[in-house]
Amino acid sequence: LLVAGYQEQVKLTIPEGWSLKKIARYMEEKEIATREDFLEAASSQVLLDQFGIPAENLEGYLFPDTYYFPRSYPAYGVVEEMAENFFRRLKEIAPEALDWDREQLHRRIIMASIVEREYRRAEEAPLIASVFYNRLDYNIGLESCATLGYIITDIQNKPHPEFLTAQDKSIDSPYNTYKWAGLPPGPISSPGAVALNAAFHPADTEFYYFVLKDPQTGEHYFSEDLQEHNWAKYYYLKQVGSGG
C-alpha cells in the first residue's frame, strides 16, 4: 500500500440545488475539508480568474455530481475539480456558450440556479425558464420564492421558513426578486443538467406566471395573464385546502 500510494476514497454525492454553504457543511461532515477552508477556496481569485467567473465566489459553478476524494484533501483541489466538471458538462449541454462573453454566460448560470430551485418535474423546467425570460424582457420582477429562500438561509443564516410572509417579500436585498426587477447579482444554487439545459434552451411561450398545481407531483399551472394566474391560484389552492 505504501509503494502504491493508495488512499481510501470518500464518496461524495452533491445533489442539484445545493448552495455553496450547504456543500461546505457537507464537506466538513465527510471530513474532506473544513467549512472555512472550502468557502475560502471557493472565493479564490486565482480560481475565479482561471475559469473566467465574474463574481466573488464560485456559487453556481460547482457541478452537482458524485465525486471521490481522500480525507483531508486540499479544499482548493476539491473546488477546482468540481468547477472543471461544471465546464465539462456545460460543453455537452450548450457548447456554444463557452464562446460567449463571461458576463453573458454568468447571467445564464444565474437563471439556471433559479430554475433549479423552482422546478420539480424535468419537463417543466424549460417552461419555468420561459416565464422568467419573458418577465425579464418586460422588466417585471421574477418574484421567485427560491431567491427569498436563499436570502434567508444563505445570507441571513436562518432556518428555511415553512412559508414566506409579506415581511419576507419586503426584505431589502438585491437578491429579492419580489422587490427588484431583473436577475439577482449571483447564482443561488448549483444547477444540474436539467436546469442548465432549460436556461440555455428555454421553451418559446407567452407565459408570464406559474403556480403549483399538485404538491404531490410537483406539476405547475402556467398562465399568460394575471387574471388567469389569479384564477389558477384560487382554484388550485382551494382544491388543496379542501383535500382535492
Protein backbone atom coordinates (compact mmCIF):
# COMPACT_ATOMS: atom_id res chain seq x y z
CA LEU A 1 0.00 0.00 0.00
CA LEU A 2 2.84 2.37 0.81
CA VAL A 3 4.55 1.69 -2.51
CA ALA A 4 1.30 2.02 -4.49
CA GLY A 5 0.38 5.20 -2.65
CA TYR A 6 -3.24 4.06 -2.32
CA GLN A 7 -5.55 6.27 -0.27
CA GLU A 8 -9.07 5.48 0.81
CA GLN A 9 -11.52 7.47 -1.30
CA VAL A 10 -14.61 9.03 0.21
CA LYS A 11 -17.72 9.05 -1.96
CA LEU A 12 -19.46 12.43 -2.07
CA THR A 13 -22.82 12.96 -3.73
CA ILE A 14 -23.78 16.61 -4.23
CA PRO A 15 -27.49 16.98 -5.09
CA GLU A 16 -28.78 19.54 -7.55
CA GLY A 17 -29.81 22.80 -5.95
CA TRP A 18 -27.37 22.88 -3.05
CA SER A 19 -25.79 26.24 -2.29
CA LEU A 20 -22.10 26.84 -1.71
CA LYS A 21 -22.58 26.98 2.07
CA LYS A 22 -24.52 23.72 2.10
CA ILE A 23 -21.79 21.99 0.09
CA ALA A 24 -19.20 23.40 2.50
CA ARG A 25 -21.04 21.94 5.50
CA TYR A 26 -21.27 18.58 3.76
CA MET A 27 -17.54 18.58 3.00
CA GLU A 28 -16.84 19.14 6.68
CA GLU A 29 -19.22 16.35 7.71
CA LYS A 30 -17.41 13.98 5.35
CA GLU A 31 -14.01 15.10 6.74
CA ILE A 32 -12.78 16.19 3.32
CA ALA A 33 -12.21 19.84 4.20
CA THR A 34 -13.32 22.25 6.88
CA ARG A 35 -16.22 24.53 6.08
CA GLU A 36 -13.97 27.59 6.36
CA ASP A 37 -11.27 26.17 4.08
CA PHE A 38 -13.81 25.15 1.46
CA LEU A 39 -15.51 28.56 1.39
CA GLU A 40 -12.11 30.26 1.23
CA ALA A 41 -11.09 28.09 -1.74
CA ALA A 42 -14.43 28.79 -3.43
CA SER A 43 -13.63 32.51 -3.18
CA SER A 44 -10.09 32.16 -4.54
CA GLN A 45 -9.35 34.90 -7.05
CA VAL A 46 -6.93 32.53 -8.76
CA LEU A 47 -9.74 30.06 -9.45
CA LEU A 48 -12.15 32.81 -10.43
CA ASP A 49 -9.62 34.09 -12.96
CA GLN A 50 -8.79 30.58 -14.11
CA PHE A 51 -12.41 29.89 -15.06
CA GLY A 52 -13.26 33.45 -16.06
CA ILE A 53 -16.04 33.82 -13.49
CA PRO A 54 -17.11 37.47 -12.94
CA ALA A 55 -18.19 37.03 -9.33
CA GLU A 56 -16.92 36.98 -5.75
CA ASN A 57 -17.08 33.20 -5.48
CA LEU A 58 -17.91 30.04 -7.42
CA GLU A 59 -21.54 29.82 -6.31
CA GLY A 60 -23.40 28.11 -9.16
CA TYR A 61 -20.24 26.76 -10.81
CA LEU A 62 -19.70 23.60 -8.73
CA PHE A 63 -21.45 20.85 -10.63
CA PRO A 64 -23.76 18.60 -8.57
CA ASP A 65 -22.43 15.09 -9.09
CA THR A 66 -20.78 12.14 -7.35
CA TYR A 67 -17.11 12.66 -6.53
CA TYR A 68 -14.36 10.66 -4.83
CA PHE A 69 -11.73 12.37 -2.71
CA PRO A 70 -9.37 11.20 0.04
CA ARG A 71 -9.98 12.56 3.53
CA SER A 72 -8.30 15.88 4.29
CA TYR A 73 -7.86 16.54 0.59
CA PRO A 74 -6.89 20.18 -0.11
CA ALA A 75 -10.07 22.27 -0.39
CA TYR A 76 -8.61 24.14 -3.35
CA GLY A 77 -8.29 20.88 -5.28
CA VAL A 78 -11.87 19.85 -4.46
CA VAL A 79 -13.30 23.16 -5.67
CA GLU A 80 -11.13 23.11 -8.80
CA GLU A 81 -12.28 19.60 -9.73
CA MET A 82 -15.96 20.49 -9.22
CA ALA A 83 -15.60 23.63 -11.35
CA GLU A 84 -13.76 21.73 -14.09
CA ASN A 85 -16.60 19.20 -14.07
CA PHE A 86 -19.10 22.05 -14.40
CA PHE A 87 -17.49 23.37 -17.56
CA ARG A 88 -17.11 19.85 -18.99
CA ARG A 89 -20.83 19.28 -18.54
CA LEU A 90 -21.71 22.74 -19.82
CA LYS A 91 -19.76 21.97 -23.01
CA GLU A 92 -22.05 18.96 -23.54
CA ILE A 93 -25.26 20.89 -22.79
CA ALA A 94 -24.54 24.21 -24.52
CA PRO A 95 -21.18 24.11 -26.34
CA GLU A 96 -21.86 27.47 -28.00
CA ALA A 97 -22.00 29.16 -24.58
CA LEU A 98 -18.29 28.62 -23.91
CA ASP A 99 -17.52 31.23 -26.57
CA TRP A 100 -19.82 33.81 -25.02
CA ASP A 101 -18.79 36.87 -23.11
CA ARG A 102 -18.37 35.80 -19.47
CA GLU A 103 -20.93 38.29 -18.20
CA GLN A 104 -23.49 36.93 -20.64
CA LEU A 105 -22.67 33.39 -19.58
CA HIS A 106 -22.89 34.37 -15.91
CA ARG A 107 -26.45 35.64 -16.42
CA ARG A 108 -27.46 32.27 -17.82
CA ILE A 109 -25.91 30.48 -14.86
CA ILE A 110 -27.86 32.76 -12.50
CA MET A 111 -31.04 31.87 -14.36
CA ALA A 112 -30.22 28.16 -14.26
CA SER A 113 -29.66 28.37 -10.50
CA ILE A 114 -33.13 29.89 -10.01
CA VAL A 115 -34.83 27.38 -12.31
CA GLU A 116 -33.07 24.60 -10.38
CA ARG A 117 -34.75 25.67 -7.15
CA GLU A 118 -38.16 26.20 -8.77
CA TYR A 119 -38.84 23.12 -10.91
CA ARG A 120 -39.81 19.67 -9.68
CA ARG A 121 -40.71 18.00 -12.99
CA ALA A 122 -37.94 17.96 -15.59
CA GLU A 123 -40.32 18.58 -18.48
CA GLU A 124 -41.48 21.82 -16.84
CA ALA A 125 -38.02 23.34 -16.39
CA PRO A 126 -37.92 24.93 -19.91
CA LEU A 127 -41.42 26.36 -19.29
CA ILE A 128 -40.35 27.91 -15.98
CA ALA A 129 -37.27 29.36 -17.69
CA SER A 130 -39.51 30.84 -20.39
CA VAL A 131 -41.65 32.57 -17.75
CA PHE A 132 -38.62 34.18 -16.16
CA TYR A 133 -37.13 35.27 -19.50
CA ASN A 134 -40.48 36.74 -20.58
CA ARG A 135 -40.66 38.70 -17.34
CA LEU A 136 -37.09 39.93 -17.79
CA ASP A 137 -37.93 41.14 -21.30
CA TYR A 138 -40.70 43.31 -19.89
CA ASN A 139 -38.78 44.39 -16.78
CA ILE A 140 -41.21 42.55 -14.49
CA GLY A 141 -39.88 41.22 -11.20
CA LEU A 142 -39.20 37.48 -11.32
CA GLU A 143 -40.95 37.03 -7.95
CA SER A 144 -39.08 33.79 -7.32
CA CYS A 145 -39.63 32.23 -3.90
CA ALA A 146 -36.28 30.48 -4.32
CA THR A 147 -34.40 33.78 -4.20
CA LEU A 148 -36.08 34.67 -0.91
CA GLY A 149 -35.14 31.27 0.47
CA TYR A 150 -31.53 31.96 -0.48
CA ILE A 151 -31.55 35.32 1.32
CA ILE A 152 -32.95 33.78 4.50
CA THR A 153 -30.81 30.63 4.64
CA ASP A 154 -27.53 31.62 2.96
CA ILE A 155 -27.25 35.36 3.57
CA GLN A 156 -29.07 35.77 6.88
CA ASN A 157 -28.07 32.24 8.03
CA LYS A 158 -31.54 31.47 9.38
CA PRO A 159 -33.50 28.20 9.14
CA HIS A 160 -35.51 27.72 5.97
CA PRO A 161 -39.03 29.06 6.57
CA GLU A 162 -42.08 26.81 6.27
CA PHE A 163 -43.78 29.54 4.27
CA LEU A 164 -42.91 33.03 3.07
CA THR A 165 -44.56 36.05 4.64
CA ALA A 166 -45.23 39.56 3.36
CA GLN A 167 -42.36 40.67 5.57
CA ASP A 168 -40.04 38.20 3.84
CA LYS A 169 -41.06 39.58 0.46
CA SER A 170 -40.05 43.07 1.59
CA ILE A 171 -36.51 42.13 2.67
CA ASP A 172 -34.06 44.75 1.42
CA SER A 173 -31.63 42.66 -0.60
CA PRO A 174 -30.52 42.70 -4.25
CA TYR A 175 -31.46 39.00 -4.27
CA ASN A 176 -35.09 39.84 -3.52
CA THR A 177 -36.80 39.34 -6.88
CA TYR A 178 -40.12 40.42 -5.38
CA LYS A 179 -38.71 43.85 -4.64
CA TRP A 180 -36.45 44.40 -7.66
CA ALA A 181 -36.80 43.60 -11.35
CA GLY A 182 -34.02 41.79 -13.18
CA LEU A 183 -31.76 38.95 -12.15
CA PRO A 184 -30.17 38.80 -8.70
CA PRO A 185 -26.43 39.61 -8.62
CA GLY A 186 -25.33 35.98 -8.49
CA PRO A 187 -26.44 32.33 -8.62
CA ILE A 188 -28.44 30.94 -5.69
CA SER A 189 -27.68 27.23 -6.11
CA SER A 190 -25.68 24.64 -8.02
CA PRO A 191 -27.75 23.91 -11.15
CA GLY A 192 -27.75 20.44 -12.64
CA ALA A 193 -28.10 19.34 -16.26
CA VAL A 194 -31.89 19.80 -16.42
CA ALA A 195 -31.82 23.39 -15.14
CA LEU A 196 -28.80 24.32 -17.26
CA ASN A 197 -30.45 22.94 -20.37
CA ALA A 198 -33.64 24.89 -19.56
CA ALA A 199 -31.75 28.14 -19.01
CA PHE A 200 -29.85 27.81 -22.29
CA HIS A 201 -32.75 26.32 -24.26
CA PRO A 202 -35.99 27.71 -22.79
CA ALA A 203 -39.39 26.92 -24.24
CA ASP A 204 -40.93 29.51 -26.58
CA THR A 205 -44.09 30.59 -24.75
CA GLU A 206 -46.21 33.61 -23.85
CA PHE A 207 -46.38 32.57 -20.20
CA TYR A 208 -45.69 35.16 -17.51
CA TYR A 209 -46.90 33.29 -14.43
CA PHE A 210 -46.90 29.84 -12.88
CA VAL A 211 -48.31 28.39 -9.69
CA LEU A 212 -48.03 24.95 -8.09
CA LYS A 213 -50.92 22.79 -9.24
CA ASP A 214 -50.22 19.50 -7.49
CA PRO A 215 -47.94 19.38 -4.41
CA GLN A 216 -47.62 15.61 -4.76
CA THR A 217 -46.41 15.53 -8.36
CA GLY A 218 -44.85 18.99 -8.49
CA GLU A 219 -46.93 19.94 -11.52
CA HIS A 220 -47.46 23.66 -12.17
CA TYR A 221 -50.16 25.65 -13.94
CA PHE A 222 -48.81 28.21 -16.41
CA SER A 223 -50.68 31.40 -17.33
CA GLU A 224 -50.32 34.14 -19.94
CA ASP A 225 -52.02 36.91 -17.93
CA LEU A 226 -52.63 37.95 -14.34
CA GLN A 227 -56.36 37.23 -14.41
CA GLU A 228 -55.79 33.63 -15.44
CA HIS A 229 -52.99 33.32 -12.88
CA ASN A 230 -55.19 34.61 -10.06
CA TRP A 231 -57.90 32.18 -11.08
CA ALA A 232 -55.40 29.33 -11.06
CA LYS A 233 -54.15 30.29 -7.60
CA TYR A 234 -57.69 30.50 -6.26
CA TYR A 235 -58.86 27.28 -7.87
CA TYR A 236 -55.87 25.08 -7.06
CA LEU A 237 -55.21 26.45 -3.58
CA LYS A 238 -58.89 25.93 -2.80
CA GLN A 239 -58.63 22.41 -4.18
CA VAL A 240 -55.62 21.66 -1.99
CA GLY A 241 -57.29 23.19 1.03
CA SER A 242 -60.35 21.02 0.58
CA GLY A 243 -58.25 17.90 0.27
CA GLY A 244 -58.55 17.73 -3.53
